[in-house]
Amino acid sequence: MLHPMQRFIRHEDVVTHEELLAWNLRREEGVEYELFYAEVTDPGRYRTAIENVDSIRWYRTARIDEGSLYVFACQETREEERSLRRAFAALELVVVPPIVYDAEAAMRMTVIGEGEDLGTLVEGIPGEIEVTVERVGEYDRRHARIAGALTDRQFEAVRTAVRLGYYDVPRSASLAAVAAALDCAESTASDHLRNAESAVMSRIVE
């Protein structure tokens, strides 16, 4: 069931991170257009791997820096992809980009919908594919890739600090005001904000 590029990611030490950012399917023509972001140790070997995939009609790359690039590709839809997508058919679900590919898991995705439809999806995925549900809950995070690094309390502390003006330049609210709004000690509010700042800054760099 693995796409040749998924096998390449899993078995070759070239791709450190890859995401499918956007896609457009033309079912009547049996082709799809996809935009990937990839971090690679050897761009040459990565391009060679793409060129050796029979289903890819053409591709273009745009280098970002020494180790990362965008890939815009057109490929014929494989029967393996069709069988996976049939599990989504007639279900009221949305796949939220990006879909992430790495050596540990063939693909990781976020799917939004009602619990019954999500359960039907998991049950309907082809048996050749092993499925792990990592998290179930409400989808309530803007900029989830960054904010998802925070605990709920850290997120609330940052949101309160922003609302009060703690991060304004110049600052228009004190730490004491933030602590009062959060109904906690100043030291506790300070810990929440510093831990949140550390998590967000680390996530941005990563």
N, C-alpha and C. Protein backbone atom coordinates (compact mmCIF):
# COMPACT_ATOMS: atom_id res chain seq x y z
N MET A 1 0.81 -1.22 0.00
CA MET A 1 0.00 0.00 0.00
C MET A 1 0.84 1.27 0.00
N LEU A 2 2.12 1.16 0.38
CA LEU A 2 2.96 2.35 0.44
C LEU A 2 3.25 2.91 -0.94
N HIS A 3 3.15 4.22 -1.06
CA HIS A 3 3.59 4.89 -2.27
C HIS A 3 5.11 4.74 -2.36
N PRO A 4 5.68 4.66 -3.57
CA PRO A 4 7.14 4.53 -3.69
C PRO A 4 7.90 5.61 -2.92
N MET A 5 7.39 6.83 -2.87
CA MET A 5 8.09 7.87 -2.12
C MET A 5 7.98 7.65 -0.61
N GLN A 6 6.87 7.03 -0.18
CA GLN A 6 6.77 6.69 1.24
C GLN A 6 7.78 5.61 1.61
N ARG A 7 7.98 4.65 0.71
CA ARG A 7 9.01 3.64 0.95
C ARG A 7 10.39 4.28 0.99
N PHE A 8 10.61 5.23 0.09
CA PHE A 8 11.90 5.92 0.06
C PHE A 8 12.15 6.66 1.37
N ILE A 9 11.13 7.35 1.88
CA ILE A 9 11.26 8.07 3.15
C ILE A 9 11.57 7.09 4.28
N ARG A 10 10.90 5.95 4.25
CA ARG A 10 11.05 4.99 5.35
C ARG A 10 12.40 4.28 5.34
N HIS A 11 12.90 3.96 4.15
CA HIS A 11 14.08 3.08 4.06
C HIS A 11 15.38 3.79 3.70
N GLU A 12 15.33 5.01 3.24
CA GLU A 12 16.54 5.73 2.87
C GLU A 12 16.72 6.93 3.80
N ASP A 13 17.95 7.20 4.17
CA ASP A 13 18.25 8.28 5.11
C ASP A 13 18.45 9.59 4.35
N VAL A 14 17.37 10.05 3.70
CA VAL A 14 17.45 11.26 2.88
C VAL A 14 16.43 12.30 3.33
N VAL A 15 15.20 11.87 3.53
CA VAL A 15 14.12 12.80 3.89
C VAL A 15 13.96 12.82 5.41
N THR A 16 14.14 13.99 6.00
CA THR A 16 13.95 14.13 7.44
C THR A 16 12.53 14.56 7.79
N HIS A 17 11.84 15.20 6.83
CA HIS A 17 10.47 15.64 7.08
C HIS A 17 9.81 15.96 5.75
N GLU A 18 8.56 15.55 5.59
CA GLU A 18 7.83 15.89 4.36
C GLU A 18 6.36 16.10 4.69
N GLU A 19 5.77 17.10 4.05
CA GLU A 19 4.36 17.41 4.25
C GLU A 19 3.67 17.59 2.91
N LEU A 20 2.47 17.06 2.80
CA LEU A 20 1.59 17.37 1.67
C LEU A 20 0.76 18.57 2.08
N LEU A 21 1.01 19.71 1.44
CA LEU A 21 0.38 20.96 1.85
C LEU A 21 -0.97 21.18 1.20
N ALA A 22 -1.11 20.78 -0.07
CA ALA A 22 -2.37 21.00 -0.79
C ALA A 22 -2.44 20.03 -1.95
N TRP A 23 -3.66 19.73 -2.40
CA TRP A 23 -3.84 18.81 -3.51
C TRP A 23 -5.14 19.12 -4.24
N ASN A 24 -5.17 18.69 -5.48
CA ASN A 24 -6.34 18.88 -6.33
C ASN A 24 -6.51 17.62 -7.17
N LEU A 25 -7.65 16.94 -7.02
CA LEU A 25 -7.90 15.69 -7.72
C LEU A 25 -8.78 15.93 -8.93
N ARG A 26 -8.39 15.33 -10.06
CA ARG A 26 -9.23 15.31 -11.25
C ARG A 26 -9.61 13.86 -11.51
N ARG A 27 -10.68 13.43 -10.84
CA ARG A 27 -11.04 12.02 -10.88
C ARG A 27 -11.37 11.55 -12.29
N GLU A 28 -12.03 12.43 -13.06
CA GLU A 28 -12.41 12.00 -14.40
C GLU A 28 -11.20 11.75 -15.29
N GLU A 29 -10.09 12.39 -14.97
CA GLU A 29 -8.87 12.20 -15.74
C GLU A 29 -7.91 11.23 -15.06
N GLY A 30 -8.20 10.88 -13.82
CA GLY A 30 -7.34 9.95 -13.10
C GLY A 30 -6.00 10.53 -12.70
N VAL A 31 -5.93 11.86 -12.52
CA VAL A 31 -4.67 12.49 -12.12
C VAL A 31 -4.91 13.41 -10.93
N GLU A 32 -3.84 13.77 -10.28
CA GLU A 32 -3.91 14.71 -9.15
C GLU A 32 -2.68 15.60 -9.16
N TYR A 33 -2.88 16.80 -8.65
CA TYR A 33 -1.81 17.79 -8.55
C TYR A 33 -1.56 18.03 -7.06
N GLU A 34 -0.29 18.04 -6.67
CA GLU A 34 0.05 18.08 -5.24
C GLU A 34 1.21 19.02 -4.99
N LEU A 35 1.17 19.68 -3.86
CA LEU A 35 2.25 20.55 -3.43
C LEU A 35 2.82 20.01 -2.13
N PHE A 36 4.12 19.67 -2.16
CA PHE A 36 4.81 19.13 -0.99
C PHE A 36 5.86 20.12 -0.48
N TYR A 37 6.11 20.03 0.81
CA TYR A 37 7.28 20.68 1.42
C TYR A 37 8.15 19.57 1.97
N ALA A 38 9.44 19.61 1.67
CA ALA A 38 10.34 18.52 2.10
C ALA A 38 11.63 19.08 2.66
N GLU A 39 12.12 18.43 3.72
CA GLU A 39 13.44 18.71 4.27
C GLU A 39 14.30 17.48 4.00
N VAL A 40 15.40 17.68 3.28
CA VAL A 40 16.19 16.55 2.80
C VAL A 40 17.67 16.78 3.05
N THR A 41 18.41 15.67 3.17
CA THR A 41 19.86 15.76 3.35
C THR A 41 20.59 15.71 2.02
N ASP A 42 19.91 15.19 0.99
CA ASP A 42 20.54 15.06 -0.33
C ASP A 42 19.49 15.34 -1.40
N PRO A 43 19.35 16.60 -1.85
CA PRO A 43 18.34 16.94 -2.85
C PRO A 43 18.46 16.14 -4.13
N GLY A 44 19.69 15.80 -4.54
CA GLY A 44 19.88 15.04 -5.77
C GLY A 44 19.25 13.66 -5.68
N ARG A 45 19.51 12.95 -4.60
CA ARG A 45 18.93 11.61 -4.42
C ARG A 45 17.42 11.70 -4.30
N TYR A 46 16.93 12.77 -3.69
CA TYR A 46 15.49 12.95 -3.54
C TYR A 46 14.83 13.13 -4.91
N ARG A 47 15.41 13.96 -5.76
CA ARG A 47 14.85 14.16 -7.11
C ARG A 47 14.94 12.89 -7.94
N THR A 48 16.02 12.15 -7.79
CA THR A 48 16.15 10.88 -8.51
C THR A 48 15.05 9.91 -8.09
N ALA A 49 14.74 9.88 -6.81
CA ALA A 49 13.67 9.00 -6.33
C ALA A 49 12.34 9.38 -6.95
N ILE A 50 12.07 10.70 -7.04
CA ILE A 50 10.82 11.15 -7.65
C ILE A 50 10.76 10.71 -9.11
N GLU A 51 11.86 10.88 -9.82
CA GLU A 51 11.90 10.55 -11.25
C GLU A 51 11.68 9.06 -11.50
N ASN A 52 11.96 8.22 -10.52
CA ASN A 52 11.81 6.79 -10.68
C ASN A 52 10.42 6.28 -10.31
N VAL A 53 9.50 7.18 -9.95
CA VAL A 53 8.13 6.79 -9.62
C VAL A 53 7.31 6.78 -10.91
N ASP A 54 6.81 5.63 -11.29
CA ASP A 54 6.10 5.48 -12.56
C ASP A 54 4.85 6.34 -12.64
N SER A 55 4.16 6.55 -11.51
CA SER A 55 2.89 7.25 -11.54
C SER A 55 3.04 8.77 -11.68
N ILE A 56 4.25 9.29 -11.47
CA ILE A 56 4.45 10.73 -11.56
C ILE A 56 4.68 11.14 -13.01
N ARG A 57 3.79 11.98 -13.53
CA ARG A 57 3.90 12.43 -14.92
C ARG A 57 4.96 13.51 -15.07
N TRP A 58 4.95 14.47 -14.14
CA TRP A 58 5.96 15.52 -14.16
C TRP A 58 6.03 16.15 -12.77
N TYR A 59 7.12 16.83 -12.50
CA TYR A 59 7.25 17.53 -11.23
C TYR A 59 8.18 18.73 -11.41
N ARG A 60 8.03 19.69 -10.54
CA ARG A 60 8.92 20.84 -10.50
C ARG A 60 9.30 21.09 -9.04
N THR A 61 10.53 21.51 -8.82
CA THR A 61 10.97 21.82 -7.46
C THR A 61 11.37 23.28 -7.35
N ALA A 62 11.22 23.82 -6.16
CA ALA A 62 11.66 25.18 -5.85
C ALA A 62 12.45 25.12 -4.56
N ARG A 63 13.73 25.41 -4.64
CA ARG A 63 14.60 25.35 -3.48
C ARG A 63 14.29 26.50 -2.53
N ILE A 64 14.23 26.20 -1.24
CA ILE A 64 14.02 27.21 -0.21
C ILE A 64 15.36 27.60 0.40
N ASP A 65 16.10 26.58 0.84
CA ASP A 65 17.45 26.79 1.36
C ASP A 65 18.24 25.51 1.12
N GLU A 66 19.35 25.36 1.82
CA GLU A 66 20.24 24.23 1.57
C GLU A 66 19.56 22.88 1.75
N GLY A 67 18.63 22.79 2.70
CA GLY A 67 18.06 21.49 3.01
C GLY A 67 16.56 21.37 2.86
N SER A 68 15.90 22.33 2.22
CA SER A 68 14.45 22.25 2.10
C SER A 68 14.00 22.77 0.75
N LEU A 69 12.87 22.25 0.29
CA LEU A 69 12.35 22.63 -1.02
C LEU A 69 10.87 22.34 -1.10
N TYR A 70 10.21 22.98 -2.08
CA TYR A 70 8.83 22.68 -2.43
C TYR A 70 8.85 21.78 -3.66
N VAL A 71 7.87 20.90 -3.74
CA VAL A 71 7.70 20.03 -4.90
C VAL A 71 6.27 20.16 -5.40
N PHE A 72 6.11 20.57 -6.65
CA PHE A 72 4.80 20.63 -7.30
C PHE A 72 4.77 19.48 -8.29
N ALA A 73 3.83 18.55 -8.13
CA ALA A 73 3.86 17.33 -8.94
C ALA A 73 2.48 16.99 -9.48
N CYS A 74 2.49 16.36 -10.63
CA CYS A 74 1.29 15.78 -11.23
C CYS A 74 1.51 14.28 -11.32
N GLN A 75 0.58 13.52 -10.79
CA GLN A 75 0.74 12.08 -10.90
C GLN A 75 -0.60 11.40 -11.14
N GLU A 76 -0.52 10.24 -11.75
CA GLU A 76 -1.70 9.42 -11.96
C GLU A 76 -2.13 8.80 -10.63
N THR A 77 -3.42 8.78 -10.38
CA THR A 77 -3.91 8.22 -9.13
C THR A 77 -3.77 6.71 -9.13
N ARG A 78 -3.05 6.19 -8.14
CA ARG A 78 -2.83 4.75 -8.03
C ARG A 78 -4.07 4.08 -7.42
N GLU A 79 -4.27 2.82 -7.74
CA GLU A 79 -5.40 2.08 -7.19
C GLU A 79 -5.31 2.01 -5.68
N GLU A 80 -4.10 1.97 -5.15
CA GLU A 80 -3.94 1.94 -3.69
C GLU A 80 -4.51 3.20 -3.05
N GLU A 81 -4.30 4.37 -3.70
CA GLU A 81 -4.88 5.60 -3.17
C GLU A 81 -6.40 5.59 -3.29
N ARG A 82 -6.90 5.04 -4.39
CA ARG A 82 -8.35 4.98 -4.56
C ARG A 82 -9.00 4.14 -3.46
N SER A 83 -8.37 3.00 -3.13
CA SER A 83 -8.95 2.13 -2.10
C SER A 83 -8.96 2.81 -0.74
N LEU A 84 -7.92 3.61 -0.46
CA LEU A 84 -7.90 4.35 0.80
C LEU A 84 -8.98 5.43 0.81
N ARG A 85 -9.10 6.15 -0.30
CA ARG A 85 -10.07 7.25 -0.35
C ARG A 85 -11.51 6.77 -0.32
N ARG A 86 -11.74 5.52 -0.76
CA ARG A 86 -13.09 4.99 -0.69
C ARG A 86 -13.59 4.92 0.74
N ALA A 87 -12.67 4.82 1.71
CA ALA A 87 -13.07 4.80 3.11
C ALA A 87 -13.68 6.13 3.54
N PHE A 88 -13.33 7.21 2.82
CA PHE A 88 -13.86 8.53 3.13
C PHE A 88 -15.18 8.81 2.41
N ALA A 89 -15.51 7.98 1.43
CA ALA A 89 -16.67 8.24 0.58
C ALA A 89 -17.96 8.26 1.41
N ALA A 90 -18.83 9.23 1.09
CA ALA A 90 -20.16 9.35 1.71
C ALA A 90 -20.08 9.71 3.20
N LEU A 91 -18.91 10.08 3.68
CA LEU A 91 -18.78 10.50 5.08
C LEU A 91 -18.57 12.01 5.13
N GLU A 92 -19.14 12.65 6.13
CA GLU A 92 -19.02 14.10 6.26
C GLU A 92 -17.77 14.43 7.07
N LEU A 93 -16.63 14.36 6.38
CA LEU A 93 -15.33 14.53 7.03
C LEU A 93 -14.48 15.51 6.23
N VAL A 94 -13.55 16.14 6.92
CA VAL A 94 -12.59 17.04 6.30
C VAL A 94 -11.19 16.64 6.75
N VAL A 95 -10.28 16.48 5.80
CA VAL A 95 -8.86 16.25 6.12
C VAL A 95 -8.19 17.61 6.16
N VAL A 96 -7.54 17.92 7.28
CA VAL A 96 -6.91 19.23 7.47
C VAL A 96 -5.43 19.14 7.14
N PRO A 97 -4.97 19.86 6.13
CA PRO A 97 -3.54 19.85 5.81
C PRO A 97 -2.73 20.45 6.96
N PRO A 98 -1.44 20.09 7.07
CA PRO A 98 -0.72 19.20 6.16
C PRO A 98 -0.89 17.73 6.54
N ILE A 99 -0.69 16.85 5.56
CA ILE A 99 -0.50 15.43 5.84
C ILE A 99 1.00 15.22 5.94
N VAL A 100 1.44 14.64 7.03
CA VAL A 100 2.87 14.53 7.32
C VAL A 100 3.35 13.11 7.04
N TYR A 101 4.51 13.00 6.38
CA TYR A 101 5.12 11.71 6.08
C TYR A 101 6.46 11.62 6.82
N ASP A 102 6.71 10.48 7.46
CA ASP A 102 8.01 10.28 8.08
C ASP A 102 8.32 8.78 8.10
N ALA A 103 9.49 8.44 8.61
CA ALA A 103 9.94 7.05 8.61
C ALA A 103 9.15 6.20 9.60
N GLU A 104 8.64 6.83 10.65
CA GLU A 104 7.94 6.08 11.68
C GLU A 104 6.54 5.68 11.24
N ALA A 105 5.81 6.64 10.67
CA ALA A 105 4.45 6.38 10.19
C ALA A 105 4.37 6.80 8.73
N ALA A 106 3.67 6.00 7.94
CA ALA A 106 3.58 6.34 6.52
C ALA A 106 2.95 7.71 6.32
N MET A 107 1.89 8.01 7.08
CA MET A 107 1.26 9.32 6.98
C MET A 107 0.52 9.62 8.28
N ARG A 108 0.54 10.90 8.62
CA ARG A 108 -0.22 11.37 9.78
C ARG A 108 -1.16 12.46 9.30
N MET A 109 -2.42 12.38 9.70
CA MET A 109 -3.36 13.38 9.26
C MET A 109 -4.34 13.73 10.37
N THR A 110 -4.90 14.93 10.26
CA THR A 110 -5.96 15.38 11.15
C THR A 110 -7.26 15.34 10.36
N VAL A 111 -8.27 14.68 10.92
CA VAL A 111 -9.57 14.55 10.27
C VAL A 111 -10.64 15.13 11.19
N ILE A 112 -11.48 15.98 10.64
CA ILE A 112 -12.54 16.62 11.42
C ILE A 112 -13.89 16.09 10.97
N GLY A 113 -14.74 15.78 11.94
CA GLY A 113 -16.10 15.32 11.65
C GLY A 113 -16.75 14.82 12.93
N GLU A 114 -17.98 14.34 12.79
CA GLU A 114 -18.70 13.79 13.93
C GLU A 114 -18.12 12.43 14.31
N GLY A 115 -18.29 12.08 15.57
CA GLY A 115 -17.71 10.85 16.08
C GLY A 115 -18.14 9.61 15.33
N GLU A 116 -19.42 9.55 14.93
CA GLU A 116 -19.91 8.37 14.21
C GLU A 116 -19.20 8.21 12.87
N ASP A 117 -19.05 9.32 12.14
CA ASP A 117 -18.36 9.26 10.86
C ASP A 117 -16.89 8.90 11.03
N LEU A 118 -16.26 9.44 12.07
CA LEU A 118 -14.85 9.13 12.31
C LEU A 118 -14.68 7.64 12.62
N GLY A 119 -15.60 7.09 13.40
CA GLY A 119 -15.54 5.66 13.69
C GLY A 119 -15.73 4.81 12.45
N THR A 120 -16.67 5.24 11.60
CA THR A 120 -16.90 4.52 10.34
C THR A 120 -15.66 4.57 9.46
N LEU A 121 -14.98 5.73 9.46
CA LEU A 121 -13.76 5.87 8.67
C LEU A 121 -12.70 4.86 9.11
N VAL A 122 -12.46 4.80 10.41
CA VAL A 122 -11.43 3.90 10.93
C VAL A 122 -11.77 2.45 10.58
N GLU A 123 -13.04 2.09 10.72
CA GLU A 123 -13.45 0.72 10.42
C GLU A 123 -13.36 0.41 8.93
N GLY A 124 -13.50 1.44 8.07
CA GLY A 124 -13.55 1.21 6.64
C GLY A 124 -12.22 1.28 5.93
N ILE A 125 -11.15 1.65 6.63
CA ILE A 125 -9.84 1.72 6.00
C ILE A 125 -9.36 0.30 5.65
N PRO A 126 -8.80 0.11 4.46
CA PRO A 126 -8.38 -1.24 4.05
C PRO A 126 -7.54 -1.94 5.10
N GLY A 127 -7.74 -3.24 5.21
CA GLY A 127 -7.06 -4.02 6.25
C GLY A 127 -5.56 -4.03 6.13
N GLU A 128 -5.04 -3.75 4.92
CA GLU A 128 -3.58 -3.74 4.75
C GLU A 128 -2.93 -2.56 5.47
N ILE A 129 -3.75 -1.59 5.88
CA ILE A 129 -3.22 -0.38 6.51
C ILE A 129 -3.45 -0.45 8.01
N GLU A 130 -2.38 -0.32 8.77
CA GLU A 130 -2.49 -0.26 10.22
C GLU A 130 -2.81 1.17 10.64
N VAL A 131 -3.84 1.34 11.46
CA VAL A 131 -4.30 2.67 11.86
C VAL A 131 -4.11 2.85 13.35
N THR A 132 -3.54 4.00 13.73
CA THR A 132 -3.42 4.37 15.13
C THR A 132 -4.09 5.73 15.33
N VAL A 133 -5.05 5.79 16.22
CA VAL A 133 -5.70 7.06 16.56
C VAL A 133 -4.90 7.69 17.70
N GLU A 134 -4.24 8.80 17.40
CA GLU A 134 -3.35 9.41 18.39
C GLU A 134 -4.09 10.32 19.36
N ARG A 135 -5.16 10.96 18.87
CA ARG A 135 -5.86 11.91 19.74
C ARG A 135 -7.27 12.12 19.22
N VAL A 136 -8.24 12.23 20.14
CA VAL A 136 -9.62 12.54 19.80
C VAL A 136 -10.06 13.70 20.68
N GLY A 137 -10.70 14.70 20.09
CA GLY A 137 -11.18 15.82 20.88
C GLY A 137 -11.73 16.91 19.99
N GLU A 138 -12.01 18.05 20.59
CA GLU A 138 -12.52 19.19 19.83
C GLU A 138 -11.37 19.88 19.11
N TYR A 139 -11.64 20.30 17.89
CA TYR A 139 -10.64 21.04 17.12
C TYR A 139 -10.91 22.52 17.34
N ASP A 140 -10.11 23.12 18.20
CA ASP A 140 -10.40 24.50 18.60
C ASP A 140 -9.15 25.37 18.64
N ARG A 141 -8.15 25.01 17.86
CA ARG A 141 -6.90 25.77 17.89
C ARG A 141 -6.67 26.48 16.56
N ARG A 142 -6.56 27.78 16.62
CA ARG A 142 -6.06 28.49 15.46
C ARG A 142 -4.55 28.33 15.42
N HIS A 143 -4.00 28.27 14.21
CA HIS A 143 -2.56 28.07 14.06
C HIS A 143 -2.11 26.87 14.89
N ALA A 144 -2.78 25.74 14.69
CA ALA A 144 -2.62 24.59 15.58
C ALA A 144 -1.19 24.07 15.63
N ARG A 145 -0.43 24.19 14.55
CA ARG A 145 0.91 23.62 14.55
C ARG A 145 1.80 24.30 15.58
N ILE A 146 1.54 25.58 15.85
CA ILE A 146 2.31 26.29 16.86
C ILE A 146 1.61 26.23 18.21
N ALA A 147 0.33 26.60 18.22
CA ALA A 147 -0.40 26.63 19.49
C ALA A 147 -0.56 25.25 20.09
N GLY A 148 -0.49 24.22 19.25
CA GLY A 148 -0.63 22.87 19.76
C GLY A 148 0.49 22.46 20.70
N ALA A 149 1.57 23.23 20.74
CA ALA A 149 2.66 22.93 21.66
C ALA A 149 2.33 23.35 23.09
N LEU A 150 1.24 24.10 23.27
CA LEU A 150 0.90 24.64 24.57
C LEU A 150 -0.15 23.79 25.28
N THR A 151 -0.09 23.78 26.61
CA THR A 151 -1.18 23.21 27.38
C THR A 151 -2.35 24.19 27.34
N ASP A 152 -3.53 23.71 27.71
CA ASP A 152 -4.70 24.59 27.71
C ASP A 152 -4.48 25.79 28.62
N ARG A 153 -3.85 25.57 29.77
CA ARG A 153 -3.64 26.66 30.72
C ARG A 153 -2.62 27.66 30.17
N GLN A 154 -1.58 27.18 29.54
CA GLN A 154 -0.61 28.08 28.91
C GLN A 154 -1.26 28.91 27.81
N PHE A 155 -2.09 28.25 27.00
CA PHE A 155 -2.78 28.96 25.92
C PHE A 155 -3.68 30.05 26.50
N GLU A 156 -4.41 29.73 27.57
CA GLU A 156 -5.29 30.71 28.20
C GLU A 156 -4.48 31.87 28.77
N ALA A 157 -3.32 31.57 29.35
CA ALA A 157 -2.48 32.63 29.91
C ALA A 157 -1.99 33.57 28.81
N VAL A 158 -1.53 33.01 27.69
CA VAL A 158 -1.07 33.84 26.58
C VAL A 158 -2.21 34.66 26.00
N ARG A 159 -3.37 34.02 25.82
CA ARG A 159 -4.52 34.75 25.26
C ARG A 159 -4.92 35.91 26.18
N THR A 160 -4.90 35.67 27.47
CA THR A 160 -5.23 36.73 28.43
C THR A 160 -4.20 37.85 28.38
N ALA A 161 -2.92 37.48 28.31
CA ALA A 161 -1.86 38.49 28.27
C ALA A 161 -1.97 39.35 27.01
N VAL A 162 -2.26 38.72 25.89
CA VAL A 162 -2.42 39.48 24.64
C VAL A 162 -3.61 40.41 24.74
N ARG A 163 -4.73 39.90 25.26
CA ARG A 163 -5.95 40.71 25.36
C ARG A 163 -5.75 41.93 26.26
N LEU A 164 -5.00 41.75 27.33
CA LEU A 164 -4.80 42.86 28.27
C LEU A 164 -3.73 43.85 27.81
N GLY A 165 -2.88 43.45 26.88
CA GLY A 165 -1.83 44.34 26.41
C GLY A 165 -0.46 44.07 27.00
N TYR A 166 -0.27 42.89 27.61
CA TYR A 166 1.01 42.56 28.22
C TYR A 166 2.12 42.49 27.18
N TYR A 167 1.76 42.11 25.95
CA TYR A 167 2.77 42.01 24.89
C TYR A 167 2.80 43.22 23.97
N ASP A 168 2.04 44.25 24.31
CA ASP A 168 2.11 45.48 23.52
C ASP A 168 3.48 46.12 23.64
N VAL A 169 3.84 46.91 22.66
CA VAL A 169 5.09 47.67 22.70
C VAL A 169 4.75 49.14 22.53
N PRO A 170 4.88 49.97 23.59
CA PRO A 170 5.28 49.57 24.95
C PRO A 170 4.18 48.79 25.66
N ARG A 171 4.56 48.06 26.71
CA ARG A 171 3.63 47.21 27.44
C ARG A 171 2.57 48.05 28.12
N SER A 172 1.30 47.64 27.98
CA SER A 172 0.20 48.41 28.57
C SER A 172 -0.52 47.66 29.68
N ALA A 173 -0.02 46.48 30.06
CA ALA A 173 -0.57 45.73 31.18
C ALA A 173 0.56 45.06 31.92
N SER A 174 0.42 44.96 33.22
CA SER A 174 1.46 44.37 34.05
C SER A 174 1.23 42.88 34.24
N LEU A 175 2.27 42.21 34.74
CA LEU A 175 2.14 40.80 35.08
C LEU A 175 1.08 40.62 36.16
N ALA A 176 1.00 41.57 37.06
CA ALA A 176 0.00 41.50 38.13
C ALA A 176 -1.41 41.50 37.55
N ALA A 177 -1.64 42.29 36.49
CA ALA A 177 -2.95 42.34 35.86
C ALA A 177 -3.28 41.00 35.19
N VAL A 178 -2.29 40.41 34.56
CA VAL A 178 -2.50 39.10 33.93
C VAL A 178 -2.82 38.06 35.00
N ALA A 179 -2.06 38.08 36.09
CA ALA A 179 -2.29 37.11 37.17
C ALA A 179 -3.68 37.28 37.77
N ALA A 180 -4.10 38.52 37.93
CA ALA A 180 -5.44 38.77 38.48
C ALA A 180 -6.52 38.23 37.57
N ALA A 181 -6.35 38.43 36.27
CA ALA A 181 -7.35 37.94 35.31
C ALA A 181 -7.38 36.42 35.28
N LEU A 182 -6.23 35.79 35.51
CA LEU A 182 -6.15 34.33 35.52
C LEU A 182 -6.50 33.75 36.89
N ASP A 183 -6.65 34.62 37.89
CA ASP A 183 -6.95 34.21 39.25
C ASP A 183 -5.87 33.28 39.80
N CYS A 184 -4.60 33.75 39.67
CA CYS A 184 -3.49 32.97 40.19
C CYS A 184 -2.41 33.92 40.68
N ALA A 185 -1.37 33.39 41.31
CA ALA A 185 -0.27 34.21 41.80
C ALA A 185 0.56 34.72 40.62
N GLU A 186 1.26 35.84 40.87
CA GLU A 186 2.11 36.39 39.81
C GLU A 186 3.18 35.39 39.37
N SER A 187 3.74 34.68 40.32
CA SER A 187 4.78 33.71 39.98
C SER A 187 4.22 32.60 39.09
N THR A 188 2.97 32.21 39.35
CA THR A 188 2.33 31.17 38.54
C THR A 188 2.06 31.68 37.13
N ALA A 189 1.55 32.90 37.04
CA ALA A 189 1.30 33.51 35.72
C ALA A 189 2.60 33.64 34.94
N SER A 190 3.66 34.05 35.63
CA SER A 190 4.96 34.19 34.98
C SER A 190 5.45 32.85 34.45
N ASP A 191 5.27 31.78 35.24
CA ASP A 191 5.69 30.44 34.80
C ASP A 191 4.92 30.02 33.55
N HIS A 192 3.59 30.25 33.56
CA HIS A 192 2.77 29.88 32.40
C HIS A 192 3.25 30.61 31.15
N LEU A 193 3.51 31.90 31.26
CA LEU A 193 3.91 32.69 30.10
C LEU A 193 5.30 32.29 29.61
N ARG A 194 6.23 32.11 30.53
CA ARG A 194 7.59 31.75 30.12
C ARG A 194 7.62 30.37 29.48
N ASN A 195 6.88 29.42 30.04
CA ASN A 195 6.83 28.08 29.45
C ASN A 195 6.16 28.11 28.07
N ALA A 196 5.11 28.93 27.94
CA ALA A 196 4.45 29.05 26.64
C ALA A 196 5.38 29.69 25.62
N GLU A 197 6.08 30.74 26.02
CA GLU A 197 7.02 31.41 25.10
C GLU A 197 8.11 30.45 24.65
N SER A 198 8.63 29.65 25.58
CA SER A 198 9.67 28.69 25.24
C SER A 198 9.15 27.65 24.24
N ALA A 199 7.94 27.15 24.47
CA ALA A 199 7.37 26.14 23.58
C ALA A 199 7.10 26.70 22.20
N VAL A 200 6.56 27.93 22.12
CA VAL A 200 6.24 28.53 20.83
C VAL A 200 7.52 28.87 20.06
N MET A 201 8.51 29.43 20.72
CA MET A 201 9.74 29.77 20.04
C MET A 201 10.44 28.51 19.52
N SER A 202 10.44 27.46 20.32
CA SER A 202 11.05 26.20 19.87
C SER A 202 10.31 25.64 18.68
N ARG A 203 8.97 25.71 18.69
CA ARG A 203 8.18 25.18 17.58
C ARG A 203 8.41 25.99 16.31
N ILE A 204 8.55 27.31 16.43
CA ILE A 204 8.80 28.15 15.26
C ILE A 204 10.13 27.78 14.61
N VAL A 205 11.16 27.61 15.43
CA VAL A 205 12.48 27.26 14.90
C VAL A 205 12.45 25.88 14.27
N GLU A 206 11.76 24.93 14.91
CA GLU A 206 11.69 23.58 14.36
C GLU A 206 10.94 23.55 13.04
